[in-house]
């Protein structure tokens, strides 16, 4: 049986902010660096996580 994790919109937004704070970048800077393929492996992990969070937040609208 699969395990489901229920997360509120507020928790996702807080996680998104915390991730950006941890790498010291704004979303726009991270997005631009991702588009230019100039992220470290840790930054790339954050980028993929934020993409997933944004997907979930869009579906919650």
N, C-alpha and C. Protein backbone atom coordinates (compact mmCIF):
# COMPACT_ATOMS: atom_id res chain seq x y z
N UNK A 1 0.83 -1.17 0.00
CA UNK A 1 0.00 0.00 0.00
C UNK A 1 0.88 1.24 0.00
N UNK A 2 0.56 2.21 -0.83
CA UNK A 2 1.33 3.43 -0.96
C UNK A 2 1.07 4.37 0.22
N UNK A 3 2.08 5.10 0.59
CA UNK A 3 1.95 6.08 1.65
C UNK A 3 1.70 7.45 1.03
N UNK A 4 0.72 8.15 1.55
CA UNK A 4 0.43 9.50 1.07
C UNK A 4 0.80 10.50 2.14
N UNK A 5 1.40 11.59 1.71
CA UNK A 5 1.75 12.67 2.63
C UNK A 5 0.85 13.85 2.30
N UNK A 6 0.14 14.32 3.29
CA UNK A 6 -0.75 15.47 3.10
C UNK A 6 -0.04 16.71 3.60
N UNK A 7 0.08 17.69 2.73
CA UNK A 7 0.76 18.93 3.06
C UNK A 7 -0.14 20.09 2.70
N UNK A 8 -0.22 21.07 3.57
CA UNK A 8 -1.06 22.23 3.30
C UNK A 8 -0.35 23.18 2.34
N UNK A 9 -1.13 24.05 1.75
CA UNK A 9 -0.59 25.07 0.86
C UNK A 9 0.45 25.92 1.61
N UNK A 10 0.13 26.27 2.84
CA UNK A 10 1.04 27.11 3.64
C UNK A 10 2.35 26.39 3.91
N UNK A 11 2.30 25.09 4.17
CA UNK A 11 3.52 24.32 4.40
C UNK A 11 4.38 24.26 3.15
N UNK A 12 3.73 24.10 1.99
CA UNK A 12 4.49 24.08 0.72
C UNK A 12 5.15 25.43 0.46
N UNK A 13 4.41 26.51 0.70
CA UNK A 13 4.98 27.84 0.49
C UNK A 13 6.15 28.10 1.43
N UNK A 14 6.03 27.64 2.68
CA UNK A 14 7.11 27.80 3.65
C UNK A 14 8.33 26.98 3.24
N UNK A 15 8.10 25.76 2.76
CA UNK A 15 9.21 24.91 2.31
C UNK A 15 9.92 25.56 1.12
N UNK A 16 9.14 26.11 0.20
CA UNK A 16 9.71 26.77 -0.99
C UNK A 16 10.60 27.94 -0.56
N UNK A 17 10.10 28.76 0.36
CA UNK A 17 10.87 29.91 0.84
C UNK A 17 12.14 29.45 1.55
N UNK A 18 12.01 28.43 2.40
CA UNK A 18 13.16 27.90 3.14
C UNK A 18 14.24 27.39 2.19
N UNK A 19 13.85 26.69 1.14
CA UNK A 19 14.83 26.18 0.16
C UNK A 19 15.57 27.32 -0.52
N UNK A 20 14.85 28.35 -0.94
CA UNK A 20 15.49 29.50 -1.58
C UNK A 20 16.43 30.21 -0.61
N UNK A 21 16.00 30.35 0.64
CA UNK A 21 16.85 30.98 1.66
C UNK A 21 18.13 30.18 1.88
N UNK A 22 18.01 28.85 1.87
CA UNK A 22 19.18 27.99 2.11
C UNK A 22 20.25 28.17 1.05
N UNK A 23 19.84 28.42 -0.19
CA UNK A 23 20.85 28.60 -1.25
C UNK A 23 21.13 30.07 -1.52
N UNK A 24 20.43 30.96 -0.83
CA UNK A 24 20.69 32.40 -0.93
C UNK A 24 20.37 32.99 -2.30
N UNK A 25 19.29 32.52 -2.91
CA UNK A 25 18.88 33.02 -4.23
C UNK A 25 17.39 33.34 -4.24
N UNK A 26 17.03 34.24 -5.12
CA UNK A 26 15.61 34.46 -5.39
C UNK A 26 15.17 33.40 -6.40
N UNK A 27 13.86 33.24 -6.52
CA UNK A 27 13.34 32.30 -7.51
C UNK A 27 13.82 32.69 -8.91
N UNK A 28 13.78 33.98 -9.21
CA UNK A 28 14.15 34.45 -10.54
C UNK A 28 15.61 34.13 -10.86
N UNK A 29 16.50 34.34 -9.89
CA UNK A 29 17.91 34.03 -10.09
C UNK A 29 18.12 32.54 -10.30
N UNK A 30 17.45 31.74 -9.48
CA UNK A 30 17.56 30.29 -9.61
C UNK A 30 17.04 29.84 -10.98
N UNK A 31 15.89 30.37 -11.39
CA UNK A 31 15.31 30.01 -12.69
C UNK A 31 16.26 30.38 -13.83
N UNK A 32 16.82 31.58 -13.77
CA UNK A 32 17.72 32.03 -14.84
C UNK A 32 18.99 31.19 -14.90
N UNK A 33 19.53 30.84 -13.74
CA UNK A 33 20.73 30.01 -13.71
C UNK A 33 20.43 28.59 -14.19
N UNK A 34 19.22 28.10 -13.88
CA UNK A 34 18.82 26.77 -14.37
C UNK A 34 18.72 26.79 -15.89
N UNK A 35 18.16 27.86 -16.43
CA UNK A 35 18.02 27.98 -17.89
C UNK A 35 19.38 28.05 -18.58
N UNK A 36 20.38 28.58 -17.87
CA UNK A 36 21.74 28.71 -18.42
C UNK A 36 22.62 27.51 -18.06
N UNK A 37 22.02 26.49 -17.42
CA UNK A 37 22.77 25.29 -17.00
C UNK A 37 23.97 25.64 -16.13
N UNK A 38 23.77 26.58 -15.19
CA UNK A 38 24.89 26.98 -14.34
C UNK A 38 24.57 26.81 -12.85
N UNK A 39 23.95 25.69 -12.51
CA UNK A 39 23.66 25.38 -11.11
C UNK A 39 24.58 24.28 -10.60
N UNK A 40 24.93 24.39 -9.33
CA UNK A 40 25.66 23.28 -8.70
C UNK A 40 24.68 22.13 -8.51
N UNK A 41 25.18 20.98 -8.11
CA UNK A 41 24.29 19.84 -7.93
C UNK A 41 23.27 20.10 -6.81
N UNK A 42 23.69 20.77 -5.73
CA UNK A 42 22.76 21.09 -4.65
C UNK A 42 21.69 22.08 -5.13
N UNK A 43 22.12 23.08 -5.89
CA UNK A 43 21.17 24.06 -6.42
C UNK A 43 20.21 23.39 -7.39
N UNK A 44 20.70 22.45 -8.18
CA UNK A 44 19.83 21.73 -9.11
C UNK A 44 18.78 20.91 -8.36
N UNK A 45 19.19 20.30 -7.25
CA UNK A 45 18.22 19.57 -6.42
C UNK A 45 17.13 20.51 -5.92
N UNK A 46 17.53 21.70 -5.48
CA UNK A 46 16.55 22.69 -5.01
C UNK A 46 15.64 23.09 -6.16
N UNK A 47 16.20 23.31 -7.34
CA UNK A 47 15.41 23.70 -8.50
C UNK A 47 14.33 22.65 -8.81
N UNK A 48 14.71 21.39 -8.82
CA UNK A 48 13.74 20.33 -9.11
C UNK A 48 12.68 20.24 -8.02
N UNK A 49 13.08 20.43 -6.78
CA UNK A 49 12.11 20.40 -5.69
C UNK A 49 11.12 21.56 -5.81
N UNK A 50 11.63 22.74 -6.14
CA UNK A 50 10.76 23.91 -6.29
C UNK A 50 9.82 23.72 -7.48
N UNK A 51 10.31 23.13 -8.56
CA UNK A 51 9.41 22.84 -9.68
C UNK A 51 8.27 21.94 -9.24
N UNK A 52 8.57 20.94 -8.43
CA UNK A 52 7.53 20.05 -7.91
C UNK A 52 6.56 20.77 -7.00
N UNK A 53 7.09 21.62 -6.12
CA UNK A 53 6.23 22.39 -5.22
C UNK A 53 5.31 23.30 -6.03
N UNK A 54 5.87 23.98 -7.03
CA UNK A 54 5.06 24.87 -7.86
C UNK A 54 3.97 24.10 -8.60
N UNK A 55 4.27 22.91 -9.04
CA UNK A 55 3.27 22.06 -9.70
C UNK A 55 2.12 21.76 -8.74
N UNK A 56 2.48 21.40 -7.51
CA UNK A 56 1.45 21.10 -6.52
C UNK A 56 0.63 22.34 -6.17
N UNK A 57 1.31 23.49 -6.06
CA UNK A 57 0.59 24.72 -5.73
C UNK A 57 -0.35 25.14 -6.85
N UNK A 58 0.06 24.93 -8.10
CA UNK A 58 -0.82 25.26 -9.23
C UNK A 58 -2.07 24.39 -9.22
N UNK A 59 -1.92 23.13 -8.86
CA UNK A 59 -3.05 22.21 -8.83
C UNK A 59 -4.00 22.48 -7.68
N UNK A 60 -3.52 23.24 -6.69
CA UNK A 60 -4.32 23.54 -5.51
C UNK A 60 -5.16 24.79 -5.69
N UNK A 61 -4.96 25.52 -6.78
CA UNK A 61 -5.66 26.80 -6.99
C UNK A 61 -7.13 26.59 -7.24
